[in-house]
Amino acid sequence: MPGDTDDYCTPDLVVLPDSWDTDDEWLADPADVELAVEVISKSEKAHQITGKNGWYGAAGVRTLLVVDPRFGRWALYRDPDAGVYPDPVEGTFGDPLVLPEPLSTAVDTACLPLYG
């Protein structure tokens, strides 16, 4: 979290700008993150998921994609305001998902696997 170097989260996937590669810091500044992706585990509880989303929003991560292979769903959170994400764009595996600028990439959610 900003102001507390001991409070950080490790996403399952993070996309950073090329310029971050020249930084000497071992932790990325949340403001530098273009996209964080969290994949929900089989055993995660709803309050754990909500807590993670809240952390990313409070930290100022611009774009968060939450993928839930338990139920074949995804949610795209963008542009937190005062540390809170507005309502996400939600879909099921197979629905179109286009990541916002600067990525502007379509994700084929039909190929995302469900937990067995």
PDB file of N, CA and C in Angstrom:
ATOM      1  N   MET A   1       0.842  -1.179   0.000  1.00  0.00           N
ATOM      2  CA  MET A   1       0.000   0.000   0.000  1.00  0.00           C
ATOM      3  C   MET A   1       0.883   1.237   0.000  1.00  0.00           C
ATOM      4  N   PRO A   2       0.427   2.266  -0.609  1.00  0.00           N
ATOM      5  CA  PRO A   2       1.214   3.499  -0.562  1.00  0.00           C
ATOM      6  C   PRO A   2       1.448   3.925   0.892  1.00  0.00           C
ATOM      7  N   GLY A   3       2.679   4.228   1.194  1.00  0.00           N
ATOM      8  CA  GLY A   3       3.026   4.651   2.535  1.00  0.00           C
ATOM      9  C   GLY A   3       3.387   3.514   3.475  1.00  0.00           C
ATOM     10  N   ASP A   4       3.191   2.276   3.083  1.00  0.00           N
ATOM     11  CA  ASP A   4       3.531   1.131   3.935  1.00  0.00           C
ATOM     12  C   ASP A   4       4.163   0.049   3.066  1.00  0.00           C
ATOM     13  N   THR A   5       5.479   0.014   3.026  1.00  0.00           N
ATOM     14  CA  THR A   5       6.187  -0.928   2.154  1.00  0.00           C
ATOM     15  C   THR A   5       6.024  -2.374   2.598  1.00  0.00           C
ATOM     16  N   ASP A   6       5.520  -2.605   3.809  1.00  0.00           N
ATOM     17  CA  ASP A   6       5.307  -3.971   4.282  1.00  0.00           C
ATOM     18  C   ASP A   6       3.919  -4.493   3.934  1.00  0.00           C
ATOM     19  N   ASP A   7       3.079  -3.667   3.342  1.00  0.00           N
ATOM     20  CA  ASP A   7       1.720  -4.054   2.979  1.00  0.00           C
ATOM     21  C   ASP A   7       1.614  -4.077   1.461  1.00  0.00           C
ATOM     22  N   TYR A   8       1.734  -5.259   0.896  1.00  0.00           N
ATOM     23  CA  TYR A   8       1.661  -5.385  -0.555  1.00  0.00           C
ATOM     24  C   TYR A   8       0.944  -6.669  -0.924  1.00  0.00           C
ATOM     25  N   CYS A   9       0.532  -6.748  -2.148  1.00  0.00           N
ATOM     26  CA  CYS A   9      -0.191  -7.903  -2.663  1.00  0.00           C
ATOM     27  C   CYS A   9       0.553  -8.420  -3.881  1.00  0.00           C
ATOM     28  N   THR A  10       0.546  -9.711  -4.057  1.00  0.00           N
ATOM     29  CA  THR A  10       1.192 -10.322  -5.214  1.00  0.00           C
ATOM     30  C   THR A  10       0.122 -10.907  -6.120  1.00  0.00           C
ATOM     31  N   PRO A  11      -0.186 -10.240  -7.230  1.00  0.00           N
ATOM     32  CA  PRO A  11      -1.208 -10.773  -8.139  1.00  0.00           C
ATOM     33  C   PRO A  11      -0.697 -12.020  -8.864  1.00  0.00           C
ATOM     34  N   ASP A  12      -1.615 -12.766  -9.435  1.00  0.00           N
ATOM     35  CA  ASP A  12      -1.227 -13.940 -10.215  1.00  0.00           C
ATOM     36  C   ASP A  12      -0.520 -13.537 -11.500  1.00  0.00           C
ATOM     37  N   LEU A  13      -0.868 -12.371 -12.028  1.00  0.00           N
ATOM     38  CA  LEU A  13      -0.226 -11.824 -13.214  1.00  0.00           C
ATOM     39  C   LEU A  13      -0.249 -10.312 -13.083  1.00  0.00           C
ATOM     40  N   VAL A  14       0.845  -9.677 -13.452  1.00  0.00           N
ATOM     41  CA  VAL A  14       0.892  -8.220 -13.449  1.00  0.00           C
ATOM     42  C   VAL A  14       1.527  -7.758 -14.748  1.00  0.00           C
ATOM     43  N   VAL A  15       0.960  -6.719 -15.342  1.00  0.00           N
ATOM     44  CA  VAL A  15       1.510  -6.132 -16.562  1.00  0.00           C
ATOM     45  C   VAL A  15       2.010  -4.741 -16.196  1.00  0.00           C
ATOM     46  N   LEU A  16       3.297  -4.522 -16.460  1.00  0.00           N
ATOM     47  CA  LEU A  16       3.949  -3.247 -16.157  1.00  0.00           C
ATOM     48  C   LEU A  16       4.491  -2.642 -17.436  1.00  0.00           C
ATOM     49  N   PRO A  17       4.691  -1.337 -17.467  1.00  0.00           N
ATOM     50  CA  PRO A  17       5.284  -0.725 -18.666  1.00  0.00           C
ATOM     51  C   PRO A  17       6.734  -1.167 -18.835  1.00  0.00           C
ATOM     52  N   ASP A  18       7.218  -1.121 -20.075  1.00  0.00           N
ATOM     53  CA  ASP A  18       8.610  -1.507 -20.360  1.00  0.00           C
ATOM     54  C   ASP A  18       9.601  -0.751 -19.490  1.00  0.00           C
ATOM     55  N   SER A  19       9.306   0.485 -19.187  1.00  0.00           N
ATOM     56  CA  SER A  19      10.241   1.313 -18.420  1.00  0.00           C
ATOM     57  C   SER A  19      10.468   0.769 -17.016  1.00  0.00           C
ATOM     58  N   TRP A  20       9.563  -0.053 -16.498  1.00  0.00           N
ATOM     59  CA  TRP A  20       9.734  -0.585 -15.151  1.00  0.00           C
ATOM     60  C   TRP A  20      10.954  -1.487 -15.075  1.00  0.00           C
ATOM     61  N   ASP A  21      11.347  -2.075 -16.182  1.00  0.00           N
ATOM     62  CA  ASP A  21      12.490  -2.980 -16.218  1.00  0.00           C
ATOM     63  C   ASP A  21      13.796  -2.288 -15.822  1.00  0.00           C
ATOM     64  N   THR A  22      13.834  -0.980 -15.927  1.00  0.00           N
ATOM     65  CA  THR A  22      15.048  -0.238 -15.570  1.00  0.00           C
ATOM     66  C   THR A  22      15.011   0.266 -14.131  1.00  0.00           C
ATOM     67  N   ASP A  23      13.939  -0.030 -13.412  1.00  0.00           N
ATOM     68  CA  ASP A  23      13.785   0.407 -12.025  1.00  0.00           C
ATOM     69  C   ASP A  23      14.545  -0.545 -11.110  1.00  0.00           C
ATOM     70  N   ASP A  24      15.168  -0.010 -10.064  1.00  0.00           N
ATOM     71  CA  ASP A  24      15.919  -0.835  -9.125  1.00  0.00           C
ATOM     72  C   ASP A  24      15.064  -1.379  -7.985  1.00  0.00           C
ATOM     73  N   GLU A  25      13.829  -0.949  -7.893  1.00  0.00           N
ATOM     74  CA  GLU A  25      12.953  -1.406  -6.815  1.00  0.00           C
ATOM     75  C   GLU A  25      12.500  -2.844  -7.084  1.00  0.00           C
ATOM     76  N   TRP A  26      12.331  -3.613  -6.006  1.00  0.00           N
ATOM     77  CA  TRP A  26      11.863  -4.995  -6.194  1.00  0.00           C
ATOM     78  C   TRP A  26      10.347  -5.087  -6.150  1.00  0.00           C
ATOM     79  N   LEU A  27       9.695  -4.053  -5.637  1.00  0.00           N
ATOM     80  CA  LEU A  27       8.240  -3.997  -5.660  1.00  0.00           C
ATOM     81  C   LEU A  27       7.801  -2.932  -6.653  1.00  0.00           C
ATOM     82  N   ALA A  28       6.808  -3.267  -7.435  1.00  0.00           N
ATOM     83  CA  ALA A  28       6.262  -2.280  -8.374  1.00  0.00           C
ATOM     84  C   ALA A  28       5.345  -1.327  -7.627  1.00  0.00           C
ATOM     85  N   ASP A  29       5.390  -0.076  -7.995  1.00  0.00           N
ATOM     86  CA  ASP A  29       4.470   0.912  -7.454  1.00  0.00           C
ATOM     87  C   ASP A  29       3.094   0.608  -8.061  1.00  0.00           C
ATOM     88  N   PRO A  30       2.043   0.488  -7.248  1.00  0.00           N
ATOM     89  CA  PRO A  30       0.714   0.188  -7.806  1.00  0.00           C
ATOM     90  C   PRO A  30       0.276   1.148  -8.907  1.00  0.00           C
ATOM     91  N   ALA A  31       0.744   2.386  -8.854  1.00  0.00           N
ATOM     92  CA  ALA A  31       0.377   3.360  -9.887  1.00  0.00           C
ATOM     93  C   ALA A  31       1.003   3.023 -11.237  1.00  0.00           C
ATOM     94  N   ASP A  32       2.055   2.191 -11.244  1.00  0.00           N
ATOM     95  CA  ASP A  32       2.705   1.782 -12.489  1.00  0.00           C
ATOM     96  C   ASP A  32       2.039   0.579 -13.143  1.00  0.00           C
ATOM     97  N   VAL A  33       1.192  -0.116 -12.415  1.00  0.00           N
ATOM     98  CA  VAL A  33       0.584  -1.358 -12.905  1.00  0.00           C
ATOM     99  C   VAL A  33      -0.462  -1.044 -13.972  1.00  0.00           C
ATOM    100  N   GLU A  34      -0.278  -1.612 -15.148  1.00  0.00           N
ATOM    101  CA  GLU A  34      -1.258  -1.460 -16.233  1.00  0.00           C
ATOM    102  C   GLU A  34      -2.434  -2.415 -16.031  1.00  0.00           C
ATOM    103  N   LEU A  35      -2.127  -3.622 -15.525  1.00  0.00           N
ATOM    104  CA  LEU A  35      -3.158  -4.637 -15.312  1.00  0.00           C
ATOM    105  C   LEU A  35      -2.677  -5.600 -14.243  1.00  0.00           C
ATOM    106  N   ALA A  36      -3.546  -5.886 -13.288  1.00  0.00           N
ATOM    107  CA  ALA A  36      -3.315  -6.960 -12.322  1.00  0.00           C
ATOM    108  C   ALA A  36      -4.388  -8.007 -12.573  1.00  0.00           C
ATOM    109  N   VAL A  37      -3.993  -9.275 -12.506  1.00  0.00           N
ATOM    110  CA  VAL A  37      -4.947 -10.370 -12.703  1.00  0.00           C
ATOM    111  C   VAL A  37      -4.916 -11.255 -11.470  1.00  0.00           C
ATOM    112  N   GLU A  38      -6.086 -11.537 -10.938  1.00  0.00           N
ATOM    113  CA  GLU A  38      -6.245 -12.462  -9.824  1.00  0.00           C
ATOM    114  C   GLU A  38      -7.093 -13.633 -10.295  1.00  0.00           C
ATOM    115  N   VAL A  39      -6.585 -14.843 -10.093  1.00  0.00           N
ATOM    116  CA  VAL A  39      -7.335 -16.059 -10.390  1.00  0.00           C
ATOM    117  C   VAL A  39      -7.806 -16.614  -9.047  1.00  0.00           C
ATOM    118  N   ILE A  40      -9.099 -16.762  -8.898  1.00  0.00           N
ATOM    119  CA  ILE A  40      -9.679 -17.225  -7.645  1.00  0.00           C
ATOM    120  C   ILE A  40      -9.388 -18.718  -7.484  1.00  0.00           C
ATOM    121  N   SER A  41      -8.885 -19.083  -6.315  1.00  0.00           N
ATOM    122  CA  SER A  41      -8.583 -20.497  -6.057  1.00  0.00           C
ATOM    123  C   SER A  41      -9.851 -21.246  -5.667  1.00  0.00           C
ATOM    124  N   LYS A  42      -9.779 -22.564  -5.699  1.00  0.00           N
ATOM    125  CA  LYS A  42     -10.935 -23.398  -5.356  1.00  0.00           C
ATOM    126  C   LYS A  42     -11.434 -23.123  -3.941  1.00  0.00           C
ATOM    127  N   SER A  43     -10.520 -22.796  -3.055  1.00  0.00           N
ATOM    128  CA  SER A  43     -10.877 -22.694  -1.638  1.00  0.00           C
ATOM    129  C   SER A  43     -11.139 -21.276  -1.144  1.00  0.00           C
ATOM    130  N   GLU A  44     -11.007 -20.270  -2.013  1.00  0.00           N
ATOM    131  CA  GLU A  44     -11.184 -18.892  -1.550  1.00  0.00           C
ATOM    132  C   GLU A  44     -12.626 -18.603  -1.177  1.00  0.00           C
ATOM    133  N   LYS A  45     -12.778 -17.817  -0.132  1.00  0.00           N
ATOM    134  CA  LYS A  45     -14.091 -17.413   0.356  1.00  0.00           C
ATOM    135  C   LYS A  45     -14.422 -16.019  -0.165  1.00  0.00           C
ATOM    136  N   ALA A  46     -15.698 -15.675  -0.196  1.00  0.00           N
ATOM    137  CA  ALA A  46     -16.140 -14.390  -0.742  1.00  0.00           C
ATOM    138  C   ALA A  46     -15.476 -13.211  -0.044  1.00  0.00           C
ATOM    139  N   HIS A  47     -15.317 -13.257   1.274  1.00  0.00           N
ATOM    140  CA  HIS A  47     -14.723 -12.116   1.981  1.00  0.00           C
ATOM    141  C   HIS A  47     -13.251 -11.947   1.616  1.00  0.00           C
ATOM    142  N   GLN A  48     -12.562 -13.045   1.281  1.00  0.00           N
ATOM    143  CA  GLN A  48     -11.168 -12.938   0.850  1.00  0.00           C
ATOM    144  C   GLN A  48     -11.089 -12.253  -0.511  1.00  0.00           C
ATOM    145  N   ILE A  49     -11.999 -12.591  -1.402  1.00  0.00           N
ATOM    146  CA  ILE A  49     -12.025 -12.003  -2.743  1.00  0.00           C
ATOM    147  C   ILE A  49     -12.321 -10.508  -2.641  1.00  0.00           C
ATOM    148  N   THR A  50     -13.343 -10.151  -1.859  1.00  0.00           N
ATOM    149  CA  THR A  50     -13.696  -8.748  -1.681  1.00  0.00           C
ATOM    150  C   THR A  50     -12.540  -7.973  -1.078  1.00  0.00           C
ATOM    151  N   GLY A  51     -11.836  -8.566  -0.128  1.00  0.00           N
ATOM    152  CA  GLY A  51     -10.688  -7.906   0.490  1.00  0.00           C
ATOM    153  C   GLY A  51      -9.586  -7.620  -0.504  1.00  0.00           C
ATOM    154  N   LYS A  52      -9.315  -8.565  -1.382  1.00  0.00           N
ATOM    155  CA  LYS A  52      -8.293  -8.355  -2.416  1.00  0.00           C
ATOM    156  C   LYS A  52      -8.684  -7.220  -3.350  1.00  0.00           C
ATOM    157  N   ASN A  53      -9.927  -7.247  -3.819  1.00  0.00           N
ATOM    158  CA  ASN A  53     -10.386  -6.187  -4.723  1.00  0.00           C
ATOM    159  C   ASN A  53     -10.255  -4.832  -4.043  1.00  0.00           C
ATOM    160  N   GLY A  54     -10.609  -4.772  -2.766  1.00  0.00           N
ATOM    161  CA  GLY A  54     -10.492  -3.530  -2.015  1.00  0.00           C
ATOM    162  C   GLY A  54      -9.056  -3.061  -1.909  1.00  0.00           C
ATOM    163  N   TRP A  55      -8.123  -4.004  -1.720  1.00  0.00           N
ATOM    164  CA  TRP A  55      -6.711  -3.633  -1.630  1.00  0.00           C
ATOM    165  C   TRP A  55      -6.251  -3.005  -2.940  1.00  0.00           C
ATOM    166  N   TYR A  56      -6.558  -3.627  -4.066  1.00  0.00           N
ATOM    167  CA  TYR A  56      -6.127  -3.098  -5.365  1.00  0.00           C
ATOM    168  C   TYR A  56      -6.719  -1.717  -5.623  1.00  0.00           C
ATOM    169  N   GLY A  57      -7.989  -1.538  -5.295  1.00  0.00           N
ATOM    170  CA  GLY A  57      -8.622  -0.238  -5.481  1.00  0.00           C
ATOM    171  C   GLY A  57      -7.984   0.822  -4.593  1.00  0.00           C
ATOM    172  N   ALA A  58      -7.781   0.499  -3.323  1.00  0.00           N
ATOM    173  CA  ALA A  58      -7.170   1.448  -2.383  1.00  0.00           C
ATOM    174  C   ALA A  58      -5.745   1.793  -2.796  1.00  0.00           C
ATOM    175  N   ALA A  59      -5.050   0.836  -3.392  1.00  0.00           N
ATOM    176  CA  ALA A  59      -3.668   1.065  -3.833  1.00  0.00           C
ATOM    177  C   ALA A  59      -3.614   1.872  -5.129  1.00  0.00           C
ATOM    178  N   GLY A  60      -4.741   1.988  -5.829  1.00  0.00           N
ATOM    179  CA  GLY A  60      -4.776   2.776  -7.057  1.00  0.00           C
ATOM    180  C   GLY A  60      -4.421   2.014  -8.316  1.00  0.00           C
ATOM    181  N   VAL A  61      -4.522   0.684  -8.282  1.00  0.00           N
ATOM    182  CA  VAL A  61      -4.278  -0.108  -9.495  1.00  0.00           C
ATOM    183  C   VAL A  61      -5.394   0.201 -10.486  1.00  0.00           C
ATOM    184  N   ARG A  62      -5.018   0.681 -11.675  1.00  0.00           N
ATOM    185  CA  ARG A  62      -5.999   1.159 -12.661  1.00  0.00           C
ATOM    186  C   ARG A  62      -6.951   0.081 -13.163  1.00  0.00           C
ATOM    187  N   THR A  63      -6.414  -1.113 -13.412  1.00  0.00           N
ATOM    188  CA  THR A  63      -7.238  -2.162 -14.006  1.00  0.00           C
ATOM    189  C   THR A  63      -6.964  -3.486 -13.306  1.00  0.00           C
ATOM    190  N   LEU A  64      -8.027  -4.130 -12.853  1.00  0.00           N
ATOM    191  CA  LEU A  64      -7.944  -5.427 -12.180  1.00  0.00           C
ATOM    192  C   LEU A  64      -8.900  -6.384 -12.882  1.00  0.00           C
ATOM    193  N   LEU A  65      -8.373  -7.528 -13.281  1.00  0.00           N
ATOM    194  CA  LEU A  65      -9.196  -8.589 -13.861  1.00  0.00           C
ATOM    195  C   LEU A  65      -9.228  -9.743 -12.866  1.00  0.00           C
ATOM    196  N   VAL A  66     -10.429 -10.121 -12.453  1.00  0.00           N
ATOM    197  CA  VAL A  66     -10.612 -11.247 -11.545  1.00  0.00           C
ATOM    198  C   VAL A  66     -11.239 -12.380 -12.343  1.00  0.00           C
ATOM    199  N   VAL A  67     -10.554 -13.512 -12.358  1.00  0.00           N
ATOM    200  CA  VAL A  67     -11.006 -14.693 -13.109  1.00  0.00           C
ATOM    201  C   VAL A  67     -11.397 -15.760 -12.085  1.00  0.00           C
ATOM    202  N   ASP A  68     -12.599 -16.303 -12.225  1.00  0.00           N
ATOM    203  CA  ASP A  68     -13.109 -17.285 -11.267  1.00  0.00           C
ATOM    204  C   ASP A  68     -13.421 -18.612 -11.961  1.00  0.00           C
ATOM    205  N   PRO A  69     -12.426 -19.536 -11.987  1.00  0.00           N
ATOM    206  CA  PRO A  69     -12.637 -20.829 -12.633  1.00  0.00           C
ATOM    207  C   PRO A  69     -13.588 -21.757 -11.877  1.00  0.00           C
ATOM    208  N   ARG A  70     -13.993 -21.374 -10.677  1.00  0.00           N
ATOM    209  CA  ARG A  70     -14.966 -22.190  -9.937  1.00  0.00           C
ATOM    210  C   ARG A  70     -16.320 -22.131 -10.629  1.00  0.00           C
ATOM    211  N   PHE A  71     -16.664 -20.937 -11.135  1.00  0.00           N
ATOM    212  CA  PHE A  71     -17.987 -20.716 -11.715  1.00  0.00           C
ATOM    213  C   PHE A  71     -17.946 -20.273 -13.171  1.00  0.00           C
ATOM    214  N   GLY A  72     -16.740 -20.174 -13.766  1.00  0.00           N
ATOM    215  CA  GLY A  72     -16.619 -19.756 -15.156  1.00  0.00           C
ATOM    216  C   GLY A  72     -17.015 -18.309 -15.374  1.00  0.00           C
ATOM    217  N   ARG A  73     -16.583 -17.441 -14.441  1.00  0.00           N
ATOM    218  CA  ARG A  73     -16.940 -16.028 -14.522  1.00  0.00           C
ATOM    219  C   ARG A  73     -15.693 -15.155 -14.448  1.00  0.00           C
ATOM    220  N   TRP A  74     -15.815 -13.925 -14.933  1.00  0.00           N
ATOM    221  CA  TRP A  74     -14.744 -12.941 -14.826  1.00  0.00           C
ATOM    222  C   TRP A  74     -15.361 -11.579 -14.528  1.00  0.00           C
ATOM    223  N   ALA A  75     -14.529 -10.702 -13.948  1.00  0.00           N
ATOM    224  CA  ALA A  75     -14.965  -9.326 -13.664  1.00  0.00           C
ATOM    225  C   ALA A  75     -13.785  -8.401 -13.931  1.00  0.00           C
ATOM    226  N   LEU A  76     -14.047  -7.320 -14.636  1.00  0.00           N
ATOM    227  CA  LEU A  76     -13.022  -6.331 -14.974  1.00  0.00           C
ATOM    228  C   LEU A  76     -13.334  -5.036 -14.220  1.00  0.00           C
ATOM    229  N   TYR A  77     -12.425  -4.677 -13.309  1.00  0.00           N
ATOM    230  CA  TYR A  77     -12.549  -3.460 -12.507  1.00  0.00           C
ATOM    231  C   TYR A  77     -11.611  -2.415 -13.081  1.00  0.00           C
ATOM    232  N   ARG A  78     -12.102  -1.155 -13.146  1.00  0.00           N
ATOM    233  CA  ARG A  78     -11.296  -0.083 -13.748  1.00  0.00           C
ATOM    234  C   ARG A  78     -11.439   1.212 -12.980  1.00  0.00           C
ATOM    235  N   ASP A  79     -10.366   1.986 -13.027  1.00  0.00           N
ATOM    236  CA  ASP A  79     -10.357   3.378 -12.591  1.00  0.00           C
ATOM    237  C   ASP A  79     -10.987   3.601 -11.222  1.00  0.00           C
ATOM    238  N   PRO A  80     -10.300   3.165 -10.162  1.00  0.00           N
ATOM    239  CA  PRO A  80     -10.860   3.398  -8.827  1.00  0.00           C
ATOM    240  C   PRO A  80     -10.980   4.893  -8.536  1.00  0.00           C
ATOM    241  N   ASP A  81     -12.039   5.242  -7.848  1.00  0.00           N
ATOM    242  CA  ASP A  81     -12.287   6.628  -7.452  1.00  0.00           C
ATOM    243  C   ASP A  81     -12.244   6.664  -5.922  1.00  0.00           C
ATOM    244  N   ALA A  82     -11.307   7.452  -5.388  1.00  0.00           N
ATOM    245  CA  ALA A  82     -11.108   7.537  -3.932  1.00  0.00           C
ATOM    246  C   ALA A  82     -10.884   6.146  -3.349  1.00  0.00           C
ATOM    247  N   GLY A  83     -10.163   5.294  -4.096  1.00  0.00           N
ATOM    248  CA  GLY A  83      -9.799   3.968  -3.612  1.00  0.00           C
ATOM    249  C   GLY A  83     -10.858   2.897  -3.778  1.00  0.00           C
ATOM    250  N   VAL A  84     -11.951   3.218  -4.466  1.00  0.00           N
ATOM    251  CA  VAL A  84     -13.030   2.246  -4.651  1.00  0.00           C
ATOM    252  C   VAL A  84     -13.327   2.108  -6.138  1.00  0.00           C
ATOM    253  N   TYR A  85     -13.392   0.852  -6.597  1.00  0.00           N
ATOM    254  CA  TYR A  85     -13.753   0.611  -7.994  1.00  0.00           C
ATOM    255  C   TYR A  85     -15.255   0.799  -8.189  1.00  0.00           C
ATOM    256  N   PRO A  86     -15.648   1.445  -9.300  1.00  0.00           N
ATOM    257  CA  PRO A  86     -17.079   1.434  -9.648  1.00  0.00           C
ATOM    258  C   PRO A  86     -17.485   0.008 -10.019  1.00  0.00           C
ATOM    259  N   ASP A  87     -18.754  -0.180 -10.289  1.00  0.00           N
ATOM    260  CA  ASP A  87     -19.229  -1.518 -10.656  1.00  0.00           C
ATOM    261  C   ASP A  87     -18.399  -2.072 -11.813  1.00  0.00           C
ATOM    262  N   PRO A  88     -18.043  -3.354 -11.736  1.00  0.00           N
ATOM    263  CA  PRO A  88     -17.214  -3.945 -12.788  1.00  0.00           C
ATOM    264  C   PRO A  88     -18.033  -4.328 -14.014  1.00  0.00           C
ATOM    265  N   VAL A  89     -17.310  -4.559 -15.100  1.00  0.00           N
ATOM    266  CA  VAL A  89     -17.888  -5.226 -16.265  1.00  0.00           C
ATOM    267  C   VAL A  89     -17.732  -6.711 -15.973  1.00  0.00           C
ATOM    268  N   GLU A  90     -18.823  -7.452 -16.044  1.00  0.00           N
ATOM    269  CA  GLU A  90     -18.777  -8.875 -15.686  1.00  0.00           C
ATOM    270  C   GLU A  90     -19.194  -9.734 -16.867  1.00  0.00           C
ATOM    271  N   GLY A  91     -18.700 -10.961 -16.872  1.00  0.00           N
ATOM    272  CA  GLY A  91     -19.070 -11.888 -17.920  1.00  0.00           C
ATOM    273  C   GLY A  91     -18.792 -13.317 -17.512  1.00  0.00           C
ATOM    274  N   THR A  92     -19.188 -14.218 -18.384  1.00  0.00           N
ATOM    275  CA  THR A  92     -18.904 -15.635 -18.191  1.00  0.00           C
ATOM    276  C   THR A  92     -17.874 -16.058 -19.220  1.00  0.00           C
ATOM    277  N   PHE A  93     -17.222 -17.166 -18.950  1.00  0.00           N
ATOM    278  CA  PHE A  93     -16.241 -17.680 -19.897  1.00  0.00           C
ATOM    279  C   PHE A  93     -16.942 -17.881 -21.234  1.00  0.00           C
ATOM    280  N   GLY A  94     -16.392 -17.288 -22.266  1.00  0.00           N
ATOM    281  CA  GLY A  94     -16.983 -17.308 -23.602  1.00  0.00           C
ATOM    282  C   GLY A  94     -17.472 -15.930 -24.019  1.00  0.00           C
ATOM    283  N   ASP A  95     -17.776 -15.067 -23.049  1.00  0.00           N
ATOM    284  CA  ASP A  95     -18.192 -13.692 -23.362  1.00  0.00           C
ATOM    285  C   ASP A  95     -16.973 -12.883 -23.814  1.00  0.00           C
ATOM    286  N   PRO A  96     -17.184 -11.907 -24.703  1.00  0.00           N
ATOM    287  CA  PRO A  96     -16.063 -11.074 -25.151  1.00  0.00           C
ATOM    288  C   PRO A  96     -15.531 -10.210 -24.003  1.00  0.00           C
ATOM    289  N   LEU A  97     -14.221 -10.060 -23.971  1.00  0.00           N
ATOM    290  CA  LEU A  97     -13.550  -9.219 -22.987  1.00  0.00           C
ATOM    291  C   LEU A  97     -12.453  -8.451 -23.702  1.00  0.00           C
ATOM    292  N   VAL A  98     -12.564  -7.137 -23.681  1.00  0.00           N
ATOM    293  CA  VAL A  98     -11.537  -6.283 -24.287  1.00  0.00           C
ATOM    294  C   VAL A  98     -10.903  -5.475 -23.165  1.00  0.00           C
ATOM    295  N   LEU A  99      -9.596  -5.614 -23.029  1.00  0.00           N
ATOM    296  CA  LEU A  99      -8.871  -4.850 -22.021  1.00  0.00           C
ATOM    297  C   LEU A  99      -8.739  -3.410 -22.478  1.00  0.00           C
ATOM    298  N   PRO A 100      -8.804  -2.477 -21.536  1.00  0.00           N
ATOM    299  CA  PRO A 100      -8.747  -1.056 -21.901  1.00  0.00           C
ATOM    300  C   PRO A 100      -7.339  -0.614 -22.282  1.00  0.00           C
ATOM    301  N   GLU A 101      -7.250   0.634 -22.769  1.00  0.00           N
ATOM    302  CA  GLU A 101      -5.963   1.259 -23.064  1.00  0.00           C
ATOM    303  C   GLU A 101      -5.083   1.186 -21.826  1.00  0.00           C
ATOM    304  N   PRO A 102      -3.836   1.014 -21.940  1.00  0.00           N
ATOM    305  CA  PRO A 102      -3.050   0.998 -23.165  1.00  0.00           C
ATOM    306  C   PRO A 102      -2.933  -0.394 -23.783  1.00  0.00           C
ATOM    307  N   LEU A 103      -3.587  -1.395 -23.184  1.00  0.00           N
ATOM    308  CA  LEU A 103      -3.466  -2.757 -23.709  1.00  0.00           C
ATOM    309  C   LEU A 103      -4.336  -2.964 -24.938  1.00  0.00           C
ATOM    310  N   SER A 104      -5.590  -2.537 -24.883  1.00  0.00           N
ATOM    311  CA  SER A 104      -6.519  -2.645 -26.013  1.00  0.00           C
ATOM    312  C   SER A 104      -6.451  -4.006 -26.684  1.00  0.00           C
ATOM    313  N   THR A 105      -6.529  -5.036 -25.870  1.00  0.00           N
ATOM    314  CA  THR A 105      -6.387  -6.400 -26.355  1.00  0.00           C
ATOM    315  C   THR A 105      -7.649  -7.191 -26.049  1.00  0.00           C
ATOM    316  N   ALA A 106      -8.109  -7.971 -27.019  1.00  0.00           N
ATOM    317  CA  ALA A 106      -9.235  -8.866 -26.789  1.00  0.00           C
ATOM    318  C   ALA A 106      -8.712 -10.148 -26.147  1.00  0.00           C
ATOM    319  N   VAL A 107      -9.425 -10.620 -25.132  1.00  0.00           N
ATOM    320  CA  VAL A 107      -9.066 -11.859 -24.452  1.00  0.00           C
ATOM    321  C   VAL A 107     -10.111 -12.907 -24.817  1.00  0.00           C
ATOM    322  N   ASP A 108      -9.642 -14.058 -25.291  1.00  0.00           N
ATOM    323  CA  ASP A 108     -10.549 -15.151 -25.640  1.00  0.00           C
ATOM    324  C   ASP A 108     -10.904 -15.901 -24.359  1.00  0.00           C
ATOM    325  N   THR A 109     -12.015 -15.518 -23.732  1.00  0.00           N
ATOM    326  CA  THR A 109     -12.387 -16.138 -22.470  1.00  0.00           C
ATOM    327  C   THR A 109     -12.968 -17.542 -22.660  1.00  0.00           C
ATOM    328  N   ALA A 110     -13.291 -17.916 -23.889  1.00  0.00           N
ATOM    329  CA  ALA A 110     -13.834 -19.253 -24.137  1.00  0.00           C
ATOM    330  C   ALA A 110     -12.799 -20.341 -23.856  1.00  0.00           C
ATOM    331  N   CYS A 111     -11.528 -19.989 -23.921  1.00  0.00           N
ATOM    332  CA  CYS A 111     -10.484 -20.998 -23.709  1.00  0.00           C
ATOM    333  C   CYS A 111     -10.035 -21.077 -22.245  1.00  0.00           C
ATOM    334  N   LEU A 112     -10.633 -20.252 -21.371  1.00  0.00           N
ATOM    335  CA  LEU A 112     -10.269 -20.309 -19.959  1.00  0.00           C
ATOM    336  C   LEU A 112     -10.852 -21.582 -19.349  1.00  0.00           C
ATOM    337  N   PRO A 113     -10.030 -22.346 -18.616  1.00  0.00           N
ATOM    338  CA  PRO A 113     -10.516 -23.612 -18.072  1.00  0.00           C
ATOM    339  C   PRO A 113     -11.264 -23.454 -16.752  1.00  0.00           C
ATOM    340  N   LEU A 114     -12.172 -24.353 -16.504  1.00  0.00           N
ATOM    341  CA  LEU A 114     -12.847 -24.453 -15.218  1.00  0.00           C
ATOM    342  C   LEU A 114     -12.069 -25.435 -14.347  1.00  0.00           C
ATOM    343  N   TYR A 115     -12.202 -25.280 -13.040  1.00  0.00           N
ATOM    344  CA  TYR A 115     -11.614 -26.274 -12.144  1.00  0.00           C
ATOM    345  C   TYR A 115     -12.342 -27.584 -12.324  1.00  0.00           C
ATOM    346  N   GLY A 116     -11.607 -28.687 -12.264  1.00  0.00           N
ATOM    347  CA  GLY A 116     -12.202 -30.007 -12.439  1.00  0.00           C
ATOM    348  C   GLY A 116     -12.830 -30.550 -11.177  1.00  0.00           C
TER     349      GLY A 116
END
